[in-house]
Amino acid sequence: IPEQAMKKFSGIIFDTYQWEQTLFDGSIATFEMLKRPSTLQVIPVIGDKILIAYEEQPNKPASYTVLGGRQEPGEESLAGAQREFLEETGMGAKEWTLYKSSQPYTKMDWTIYTYIAKDIQQIQEHTQEAGEKIVIKEVTFSEFIDIATTPEFWAKEITLDIFFHQKKGTLKEFKQQLFHR
């Protein structure tokens, strides 16, 4: 978002910014961009299994996704991923690796951080938030790939990443990144 942009709307999740910009022909147009908190995703690995969530929220049908949520103001991405993982599973992990960060849209200031978590232990009871129902499921790598490449899987950037790995023939390397110590 350019420095000269003015915030025109503040919402619960999204803020809207606008600014005037000179075009290539010298004319001026108003541009607009959204800003939202970063998304924090966790791919937890236990032995040769991956933990995924079967999640239901009031505004969309139940589906599989990875664990995670929204980054809080002033929170580092890793600390937020650890907090979300604990909240959604009651678990913690000793080993955290940033797998990927991406900004999927040019008209939105939004980063998605995806972490791989290993050496996992139960720390507390899992408690549900009022706005979500989460069931944790252990799956094999093959099951993860099958589930993550369905239209219903919520974490679309992971789906896209898997398709890129399949196209480039690097799915084996992705698997090694998840399970190799």
Protein backbone atom coordinates (compact mmCIF):
# COMPACT_ATOMS: atom_id res chain seq x y z
CA ILE A 1 0.00 0.00 0.00
CA PRO A 2 1.59 3.30 -1.05
CA GLU A 3 2.46 5.92 1.58
CA GLN A 4 -0.03 8.41 0.11
CA ALA A 5 -2.95 5.95 0.49
CA MET A 6 -5.77 6.99 2.81
CA LYS A 7 -7.72 4.51 4.90
CA LYS A 8 -11.36 4.77 3.81
CA PHE A 9 -12.86 1.94 5.85
CA SER A 10 -11.88 -0.10 8.91
CA GLY A 11 -13.62 -3.43 9.35
CA ILE A 12 -13.27 -6.37 11.69
CA ILE A 13 -10.86 -8.11 9.31
CA PHE A 14 -10.42 -5.84 6.28
CA ASP A 15 -9.32 -2.22 5.93
CA THR A 16 -9.79 -0.43 2.61
CA TYR A 17 -7.25 2.09 1.29
CA GLN A 18 -7.53 4.44 -1.70
CA TRP A 19 -5.09 6.74 -3.48
CA GLU A 20 -4.82 8.69 -6.68
CA GLN A 21 -2.23 7.51 -9.14
CA THR A 22 -0.97 8.95 -12.41
CA LEU A 23 -1.40 6.54 -15.31
CA PHE A 24 0.97 6.06 -18.25
CA ASP A 25 -1.00 8.53 -20.42
CA GLY A 26 -0.84 11.24 -17.72
CA SER A 27 -4.43 10.85 -16.54
CA ILE A 28 -5.21 10.24 -12.87
CA ALA A 29 -7.24 7.35 -11.48
CA THR A 30 -8.24 6.27 -8.00
CA PHE A 31 -6.72 2.95 -6.94
CA GLU A 32 -7.89 0.80 -4.08
CA MET A 33 -6.36 -1.97 -1.98
CA LEU A 34 -7.40 -4.10 0.98
CA LYS A 35 -5.29 -4.85 4.06
CA ARG A 36 -5.93 -7.67 6.48
CA PRO A 37 -4.04 -9.55 9.21
CA SER A 38 -1.75 -12.32 8.02
CA THR A 39 -2.92 -15.92 8.01
CA LEU A 40 -0.89 -18.46 9.97
CA GLN A 41 -0.99 -22.11 8.90
CA VAL A 42 0.56 -25.14 10.53
CA ILE A 43 1.32 -28.54 9.00
CA PRO A 44 2.00 -30.68 12.09
CA VAL A 45 3.97 -33.89 11.53
CA ILE A 46 3.90 -36.80 14.00
CA GLY A 47 6.08 -39.70 12.88
CA ASP A 48 4.91 -40.57 9.37
CA LYS A 49 1.53 -38.83 9.77
CA ILE A 50 0.24 -35.30 9.22
CA LEU A 51 -2.43 -33.73 11.43
CA ILE A 52 -5.23 -31.98 9.59
CA ALA A 53 -8.45 -30.40 10.78
CA TYR A 54 -11.98 -31.22 9.80
CA GLU A 55 -13.51 -27.86 10.55
CA GLU A 56 -16.97 -26.38 10.58
CA GLN A 57 -17.77 -22.68 10.83
CA PRO A 58 -21.19 -21.01 10.86
CA ASN A 59 -20.78 -19.37 7.45
CA LYS A 60 -19.46 -22.28 5.35
CA PRO A 61 -19.79 -26.03 4.98
CA ALA A 62 -17.51 -28.35 6.95
CA SER A 63 -14.30 -29.32 5.21
CA TYR A 64 -10.70 -30.34 5.73
CA THR A 65 -7.97 -27.76 6.17
CA VAL A 66 -4.66 -27.23 7.91
CA LEU A 67 -4.52 -25.83 11.42
CA GLY A 68 -4.06 -22.13 12.07
CA GLY A 69 -5.76 -18.79 12.06
CA ARG A 70 -5.29 -15.05 12.07
CA GLN A 71 -2.19 -13.19 13.29
CA GLU A 72 -2.84 -10.80 16.18
CA PRO A 73 -1.63 -7.16 16.02
CA GLY A 74 2.05 -6.89 17.01
CA GLU A 75 2.49 -10.66 17.02
CA GLU A 76 5.38 -12.34 15.20
CA SER A 77 4.23 -14.95 12.67
CA LEU A 78 5.92 -17.88 14.44
CA ALA A 79 4.51 -16.91 17.86
CA GLY A 80 1.07 -16.62 16.29
CA ALA A 81 1.34 -20.01 14.58
CA GLN A 82 2.37 -21.56 17.89
CA ARG A 83 -0.56 -19.86 19.67
CA GLU A 84 -3.08 -20.97 17.03
CA PHE A 85 -1.74 -24.55 17.08
CA LEU A 86 -2.05 -24.68 20.87
CA GLU A 87 -5.56 -23.18 20.82
CA GLU A 88 -6.85 -25.54 18.12
CA THR A 89 -5.21 -28.77 19.31
CA GLY A 90 -3.92 -28.31 22.85
CA MET A 91 -0.51 -29.27 21.45
CA GLY A 92 2.89 -27.64 21.16
CA ALA A 93 5.94 -28.46 19.05
CA LYS A 94 9.66 -28.18 19.74
CA GLU A 95 10.70 -27.84 16.09
CA TRP A 96 9.24 -25.17 13.80
CA THR A 97 10.25 -24.48 10.21
CA LEU A 98 8.84 -21.78 7.96
CA TYR A 99 7.82 -23.77 4.90
CA LYS A 100 6.56 -20.84 2.88
CA SER A 101 5.25 -17.30 3.00
CA SER A 102 3.21 -15.91 0.15
CA GLN A 103 1.13 -12.91 -0.80
CA PRO A 104 -1.48 -14.43 -3.11
CA TYR A 105 -3.20 -11.25 -4.32
CA THR A 106 -1.87 -8.01 -5.78
CA LYS A 107 -4.86 -5.95 -4.59
CA MET A 108 -4.62 -7.15 -0.99
CA ASP A 109 -1.86 -6.61 1.57
CA TRP A 110 -2.08 -10.11 3.06
CA THR A 111 0.63 -12.65 3.83
CA ILE A 112 0.05 -16.36 4.41
CA TYR A 113 2.73 -18.01 6.56
CA THR A 114 2.87 -21.81 6.50
CA TYR A 115 4.94 -23.60 9.13
CA ILE A 116 5.91 -27.24 9.54
CA ALA A 117 5.74 -28.33 13.19
CA LYS A 118 7.57 -31.42 14.50
CA ASP A 119 8.35 -33.05 17.84
CA ILE A 120 4.80 -32.50 19.02
CA GLN A 121 3.47 -33.04 22.52
CA GLN A 122 0.08 -32.59 24.18
CA ILE A 123 0.22 -29.58 26.54
CA GLN A 124 -3.38 -28.95 27.50
CA GLU A 125 -6.92 -30.00 26.65
CA HIS A 126 -8.22 -28.89 23.28
CA THR A 127 -10.92 -26.24 23.69
CA GLN A 128 -13.33 -25.21 20.94
CA GLU A 129 -13.96 -21.56 20.09
CA ALA A 130 -17.60 -20.51 19.86
CA GLY A 131 -17.36 -19.96 16.10
CA GLU A 132 -15.74 -23.23 15.07
CA LYS A 133 -15.94 -26.98 15.49
CA ILE A 134 -12.62 -28.74 14.87
CA VAL A 135 -11.89 -32.46 14.74
CA ILE A 136 -8.20 -33.38 14.40
CA LYS A 137 -7.35 -36.28 12.12
CA GLU A 138 -4.03 -38.08 11.47
CA VAL A 139 -3.43 -38.86 7.79
CA THR A 140 -0.64 -40.35 5.71
CA PHE A 141 1.21 -38.22 3.19
CA SER A 142 -0.76 -39.84 0.37
CA GLU A 143 -4.07 -39.14 2.15
CA PHE A 144 -2.96 -35.55 2.78
CA ILE A 145 -2.26 -35.07 -0.94
CA ASP A 146 -5.64 -36.58 -1.86
CA ILE A 147 -7.54 -34.41 0.65
CA ALA A 148 -5.58 -31.22 -0.07
CA THR A 149 -6.29 -31.45 -3.80
CA THR A 150 -10.07 -31.59 -3.46
CA PRO A 151 -12.15 -28.48 -4.24
CA GLU A 152 -13.45 -28.46 -0.65
CA PHE A 153 -10.02 -28.13 1.01
CA TRP A 154 -9.85 -24.62 2.49
CA ALA A 155 -6.10 -23.90 2.29
CA LYS A 156 -6.02 -23.27 -1.48
CA GLU A 157 -2.42 -22.00 -1.53
CA ILE A 158 -1.31 -25.41 -0.22
CA THR A 159 -3.44 -27.08 -2.91
CA LEU A 160 -1.77 -24.91 -5.54
CA ASP A 161 1.67 -25.67 -4.10
CA ILE A 162 0.98 -29.42 -4.28
CA PHE A 163 -0.13 -29.08 -7.91
CA PHE A 164 3.14 -27.23 -8.69
CA HIS A 165 5.12 -30.02 -7.00
CA GLN A 166 3.19 -32.62 -9.02
CA LYS A 167 3.77 -30.74 -12.29
CA LYS A 168 7.50 -30.25 -11.62
CA GLY A 169 7.94 -33.82 -10.35
CA THR A 170 9.11 -32.61 -6.92
CA LEU A 171 6.44 -34.15 -4.70
CA LYS A 172 9.07 -36.50 -3.24
CA GLU A 173 11.15 -33.48 -2.15
CA PHE A 174 8.05 -31.93 -0.54
CA LYS A 175 7.49 -35.18 1.37
CA GLN A 176 11.13 -35.20 2.50
CA GLN A 177 10.79 -31.61 3.70
CA LEU A 178 7.83 -32.62 5.86
CA PHE A 179 9.25 -35.82 7.33
CA HIS A 180 13.04 -35.49 7.18
CA ARG A 181 14.78 -34.49 10.40
